[in-house]
Amino acid sequence: MNWKTITAPPDVLPPSPMTMRVQSIPVRHYFAEHTHEWNQLVYAISGVLMVAADGQSFAISPDQAAWIPPGSVHSVGSFLGAEYHSLWLADSPGGVLSRRGVTIFGVSPLLRALIVEAAAVHEAPDTDGYFGRVYQLILDQLRRIRPISSVLAWPTSAPLLRLCETLYSNPADSRGPDEWGMELGMSGRTLARRFFAETGLTLRTWRRRLKSFRAIELLENGFDVTSAALELGYSSTSAFVYAFRSEMQCSPLAYMRTRGSFV
């Protein structure tokens, strides 16, 4: 199945002070590479986004967002579909984001709630300045963000893209570098070296992080913990819970409790 391009609406105005873009991204759809003259916050209330920006390629979960500064060439899509929330901001919030380029950061419960609220009221007339106050609170939150390194980096070469898309579709696939090397026409050692060069992760670490991302999608779509563990290829529910806790610093059930009012 090929990826399909989403055409951006032609009548969206530059932010003054903030423009919201809210829409569902279907399976394997994406916005093609483009740039803006303003700041952008890329986020999904549910689902995982695939983001490519300034030579980087990565996936972000609903606990993460991407900051795209003006002039950065970027594209955004989703492998399995996502509820996309894009914020265009007229002002730079300052803080860490004013000193960095493309940045991935954790989304606090308060920032998530503010994004949800902004989406709910952004088309209504701002007669009493409420939307402006929400905007200022979002800027306040962005000044306090901390960049994170635990993103799911995505490769760029065709063979490794094929590998990663296969594992994303079937995270229970247990083939290692040697088996995948035979599939892709290279030695296991060459595959391991190229994979690390393109993602900064070993295939084993990448696969573990992938399963955490896919677990979030499964849990949000109604899977219970046992069913998610089986779908992801874990030998037992306890093995899944241990791996999820190691990656996310909480159990799957605790994670879903914190997400309950937003999914």
Protein backbone atom coordinates (compact mmCIF):
# COMPACT_ATOMS: atom_id res chain seq x y z
CA MET A 1 0.00 0.00 0.00
CA ASN A 2 1.50 3.34 -1.08
CA TRP A 3 1.44 6.56 0.87
CA LYS A 4 -1.04 9.20 -0.32
CA THR A 5 -0.59 12.95 -0.15
CA ILE A 6 -2.96 15.19 1.81
CA THR A 7 -3.60 18.54 0.17
CA ALA A 8 -3.46 21.41 2.65
CA PRO A 9 -6.45 23.80 2.59
CA PRO A 10 -5.60 26.85 0.45
CA ASP A 11 -7.43 29.38 2.63
CA VAL A 12 -5.60 28.88 5.96
CA LEU A 13 -4.24 32.24 7.14
CA PRO A 14 -0.92 32.89 8.91
CA PRO A 15 -1.18 32.88 12.72
CA SER A 16 -2.48 35.98 14.45
CA PRO A 17 -1.59 35.04 17.13
CA MET A 18 -2.34 31.31 16.62
CA THR A 19 -3.90 29.18 13.91
CA MET A 20 -5.17 25.67 14.71
CA ARG A 21 -5.21 22.83 12.20
CA VAL A 22 -7.28 19.87 13.42
CA GLN A 23 -8.02 16.85 11.25
CA SER A 24 -7.88 13.09 11.04
CA ILE A 25 -4.95 11.72 9.06
CA PRO A 26 -6.00 8.45 7.39
CA VAL A 27 -3.78 5.39 7.24
CA ARG A 28 -0.62 6.00 5.17
CA HIS A 29 -1.42 9.62 4.35
CA TYR A 30 0.94 12.57 4.72
CA PHE A 31 1.47 16.26 4.07
CA ALA A 32 4.30 16.57 1.54
CA GLU A 33 7.47 18.55 2.30
CA HIS A 34 6.88 22.27 2.80
CA THR A 35 8.01 25.20 4.92
CA HIS A 36 6.35 27.97 6.95
CA GLU A 37 7.40 31.48 7.87
CA TRP A 38 6.11 30.89 11.40
CA ASN A 39 6.58 28.49 14.31
CA GLN A 40 4.67 25.21 14.34
CA LEU A 41 3.84 22.67 17.04
CA VAL A 42 3.07 19.23 15.59
CA TYR A 43 1.01 16.95 17.83
CA ALA A 44 -1.52 14.08 17.74
CA ILE A 45 -4.20 13.64 20.40
CA SER A 46 -4.22 9.96 19.44
CA GLY A 47 -2.20 7.82 17.07
CA VAL A 48 1.45 8.09 16.10
CA LEU A 49 2.77 10.75 13.73
CA MET A 50 5.65 10.24 11.32
CA VAL A 51 7.63 13.48 11.03
CA ALA A 52 10.52 14.34 8.72
CA ALA A 53 12.19 17.70 9.31
CA ASP A 54 15.57 19.17 8.37
CA GLY A 55 17.07 15.79 7.55
CA GLN A 56 15.69 14.02 10.61
CA SER A 57 12.99 11.36 10.49
CA PHE A 58 11.13 10.08 13.55
CA ALA A 59 7.83 8.96 15.03
CA ILE A 60 6.14 10.73 17.95
CA SER A 61 3.55 9.33 20.34
CA PRO A 62 0.62 11.23 21.93
CA ASP A 63 2.96 12.01 24.84
CA GLN A 64 5.32 13.88 22.53
CA ALA A 65 5.24 16.85 20.18
CA ALA A 66 7.59 18.29 17.58
CA TRP A 67 8.60 21.94 17.45
CA ILE A 68 9.23 23.12 13.87
CA PRO A 69 10.85 26.58 13.66
CA PRO A 70 10.32 28.93 10.69
CA GLY A 71 11.99 27.88 7.47
CA SER A 72 12.39 24.20 8.38
CA VAL A 73 11.55 21.83 5.53
CA HIS A 74 9.19 19.20 6.95
CA SER A 75 6.49 16.64 6.22
CA VAL A 76 3.99 14.98 8.55
CA GLY A 77 1.98 11.79 8.14
CA SER A 78 0.74 8.70 9.92
CA PHE A 79 1.35 5.03 9.23
CA LEU A 80 -1.83 3.79 10.95
CA GLY A 81 -3.82 7.03 11.22
CA ALA A 82 -3.85 9.81 13.83
CA GLU A 83 -5.94 12.69 15.19
CA TYR A 84 -3.71 15.56 14.16
CA HIS A 85 -3.47 18.90 15.97
CA SER A 86 -1.13 21.46 14.45
CA LEU A 87 -0.55 24.84 16.09
CA TRP A 88 0.90 27.72 14.08
CA LEU A 89 2.29 30.36 16.42
CA ALA A 90 3.10 33.96 15.58
CA ASP A 91 5.45 34.34 18.56
CA SER A 92 8.49 32.39 19.68
CA PRO A 93 7.92 31.25 23.26
CA GLY A 94 11.54 31.78 24.22
CA GLY A 95 13.34 29.39 26.53
CA VAL A 96 14.89 26.24 25.09
CA LEU A 97 12.87 26.40 21.87
CA SER A 98 14.36 29.77 20.90
CA ARG A 99 17.87 28.28 20.99
CA ARG A 100 17.24 25.06 19.07
CA GLY A 101 16.09 23.90 15.69
CA VAL A 102 13.61 21.05 15.30
CA THR A 103 12.92 19.75 18.82
CA ILE A 104 11.01 16.81 20.26
CA PHE A 105 9.62 17.26 23.76
CA GLY A 106 7.25 15.64 26.23
CA VAL A 107 3.72 17.03 26.40
CA SER A 108 2.53 17.70 29.95
CA PRO A 109 -1.11 17.02 30.95
CA LEU A 110 -1.68 20.77 31.19
CA LEU A 111 -0.28 21.50 27.73
CA ARG A 112 -2.35 18.65 26.30
CA ALA A 113 -5.48 20.09 27.93
CA LEU A 114 -4.68 23.56 26.56
CA ILE A 115 -4.27 22.17 23.03
CA VAL A 116 -7.63 20.40 23.35
CA GLU A 117 -9.25 23.60 24.62
CA ALA A 118 -7.70 25.73 21.89
CA ALA A 119 -9.02 23.32 19.28
CA ALA A 120 -12.51 23.55 20.79
CA VAL A 121 -12.72 27.35 20.72
CA HIS A 122 -10.42 28.49 17.92
CA GLU A 123 -13.22 29.09 15.38
CA ALA A 124 -15.45 31.07 17.77
CA PRO A 125 -15.25 34.88 17.91
CA ASP A 126 -12.80 35.87 20.64
CA THR A 127 -15.01 38.64 22.03
CA ASP A 128 -13.69 38.44 25.58
CA GLY A 129 -10.05 37.57 24.85
CA TYR A 130 -10.36 33.96 26.07
CA PHE A 131 -8.59 32.43 23.08
CA GLY A 132 -5.77 34.93 23.55
CA ARG A 133 -5.39 33.87 27.17
CA VAL A 134 -5.28 30.19 26.18
CA TYR A 135 -2.59 31.12 23.66
CA GLN A 136 -0.52 32.84 26.34
CA LEU A 137 -0.83 29.80 28.61
CA ILE A 138 0.38 27.59 25.75
CA LEU A 139 3.39 29.88 25.34
CA ASP A 140 4.02 29.66 29.09
CA GLN A 141 4.01 25.86 28.88
CA LEU A 142 6.34 25.87 25.87
CA ARG A 143 8.85 27.99 27.77
CA ARG A 144 9.07 25.18 30.32
CA ILE A 145 9.48 22.20 28.00
CA ARG A 146 12.40 19.80 28.20
CA PRO A 147 13.68 18.20 25.01
CA ILE A 148 13.71 14.41 25.04
CA SER A 149 15.91 11.87 23.30
CA SER A 150 13.64 8.81 23.53
CA VAL A 151 12.04 9.30 20.14
CA LEU A 152 11.57 6.57 17.59
CA ALA A 153 14.03 7.56 14.88
CA TRP A 154 13.13 6.44 11.37
CA PRO A 155 15.64 5.40 8.69
CA THR A 156 15.81 7.00 5.25
CA SER A 157 17.18 4.31 2.91
CA ALA A 158 14.72 2.12 1.01
CA PRO A 159 15.81 -1.27 2.44
CA LEU A 160 15.64 -0.10 6.05
CA LEU A 161 12.35 1.69 5.43
CA ARG A 162 10.97 -1.61 4.22
CA LEU A 163 12.24 -3.34 7.36
CA CYS A 164 10.77 -0.73 9.71
CA GLU A 165 7.41 -0.54 7.96
CA THR A 166 7.15 -4.33 8.14
CA LEU A 167 7.93 -4.32 11.86
CA TYR A 168 5.48 -1.48 12.43
CA SER A 169 2.74 -3.49 10.72
CA ASN A 170 3.77 -6.70 12.48
CA PRO A 171 5.65 -5.93 15.71
CA ALA A 172 5.60 -9.64 16.62
CA ASP A 173 8.06 -10.32 13.76
CA SER A 174 11.10 -11.63 15.64
CA ARG A 175 13.67 -11.77 12.82
CA GLY A 176 17.10 -10.43 13.78
CA PRO A 177 19.83 -8.68 11.71
CA ASP A 178 21.06 -11.87 10.01
CA GLU A 179 17.61 -12.95 8.87
CA TRP A 180 16.67 -9.45 7.78
CA GLY A 181 20.01 -9.09 6.03
CA MET A 182 19.22 -12.15 3.91
CA GLU A 183 15.79 -10.67 3.13
CA LEU A 184 17.28 -7.32 2.08
CA GLY A 185 20.38 -8.56 0.27
CA MET A 186 23.10 -7.63 2.74
CA SER A 187 24.98 -9.25 5.60
CA GLY A 188 23.61 -9.03 9.12
CA ARG A 189 26.66 -7.01 10.14
CA THR A 190 26.15 -4.52 7.32
CA LEU A 191 22.47 -4.18 8.18
CA ALA A 192 23.25 -3.59 11.86
CA ARG A 193 25.86 -0.97 10.98
CA ARG A 194 23.58 0.87 8.53
CA PHE A 195 20.63 0.73 10.90
CA PHE A 196 22.63 2.34 13.70
CA ALA A 197 24.05 4.96 11.32
CA GLU A 198 20.57 6.00 10.17
CA THR A 199 18.68 5.85 13.47
CA GLY A 200 21.29 6.09 16.23
CA LEU A 201 19.79 2.91 17.72
CA THR A 202 20.50 -0.79 17.48
CA LEU A 203 17.76 -2.82 15.85
CA ARG A 204 17.01 -4.43 19.22
CA THR A 205 16.60 -1.08 21.00
CA TRP A 206 14.58 0.33 18.11
CA ARG A 207 12.27 -2.69 18.14
CA ARG A 208 11.69 -2.33 21.90
CA ARG A 209 10.83 1.34 21.48
CA LEU A 210 8.60 0.56 18.51
CA LYS A 211 6.60 -1.89 20.60
CA SER A 212 5.94 0.82 23.19
CA PHE A 213 4.61 3.11 20.46
CA ARG A 214 2.44 0.36 19.01
CA ALA A 215 1.24 -0.59 22.50
CA ILE A 216 -0.09 2.94 22.94
CA GLU A 217 -2.01 2.68 19.67
CA LEU A 218 -3.44 -0.72 20.58
CA LEU A 219 -4.49 0.32 24.09
CA GLU A 220 -6.12 3.49 22.77
CA ASN A 221 -8.06 1.37 20.28
CA GLY A 222 -9.61 -0.84 22.94
CA PHE A 223 -7.13 -3.69 23.33
CA ASP A 224 -6.73 -4.96 26.88
CA VAL A 225 -3.24 -5.56 28.26
CA THR A 226 -3.25 -9.30 27.51
CA SER A 227 -4.46 -8.83 23.93
CA ALA A 228 -1.88 -6.09 23.33
CA ALA A 229 0.88 -8.32 24.69
CA LEU A 230 -0.07 -11.10 22.26
CA GLU A 231 -0.37 -8.72 19.31
CA LEU A 232 3.10 -7.34 20.03
CA GLY A 233 4.68 -10.77 20.26
CA TYR A 234 5.49 -10.89 23.98
CA SER A 235 5.70 -14.31 25.59
CA SER A 236 3.53 -13.22 28.52
CA THR A 237 1.55 -10.30 29.85
CA SER A 238 4.14 -9.74 32.59
CA ALA A 239 6.91 -9.49 29.98
CA PHE A 240 4.90 -6.84 28.14
CA VAL A 241 4.19 -4.87 31.33
CA TYR A 242 7.89 -4.97 32.28
CA ALA A 243 9.01 -3.78 28.85
CA PHE A 244 6.37 -1.02 28.75
CA ARG A 245 7.29 0.18 32.24
CA SER A 246 11.00 0.22 31.33
CA GLU A 247 10.31 2.42 28.29
CA MET A 248 7.46 4.62 29.57
CA GLN A 249 8.21 4.71 33.34
CA CYS A 250 4.69 3.52 34.16
CA SER A 251 2.51 0.46 33.63
CA PRO A 252 0.13 0.23 30.64
CA LEU A 253 -2.91 0.66 32.90
CA ALA A 254 -1.37 3.67 34.65
CA TYR A 255 -0.60 5.20 31.28
CA MET A 256 -4.18 4.78 30.10
CA ARG A 257 -5.54 6.29 33.33
CA THR A 258 -3.53 9.45 32.67
CA ARG A 259 -4.79 9.51 29.07
CA GLY A 260 -8.42 8.66 29.82
CA SER A 261 -9.94 12.10 29.50
CA PHE A 262 -8.22 12.88 26.21
CA VAL A 263 -8.67 9.79 24.05
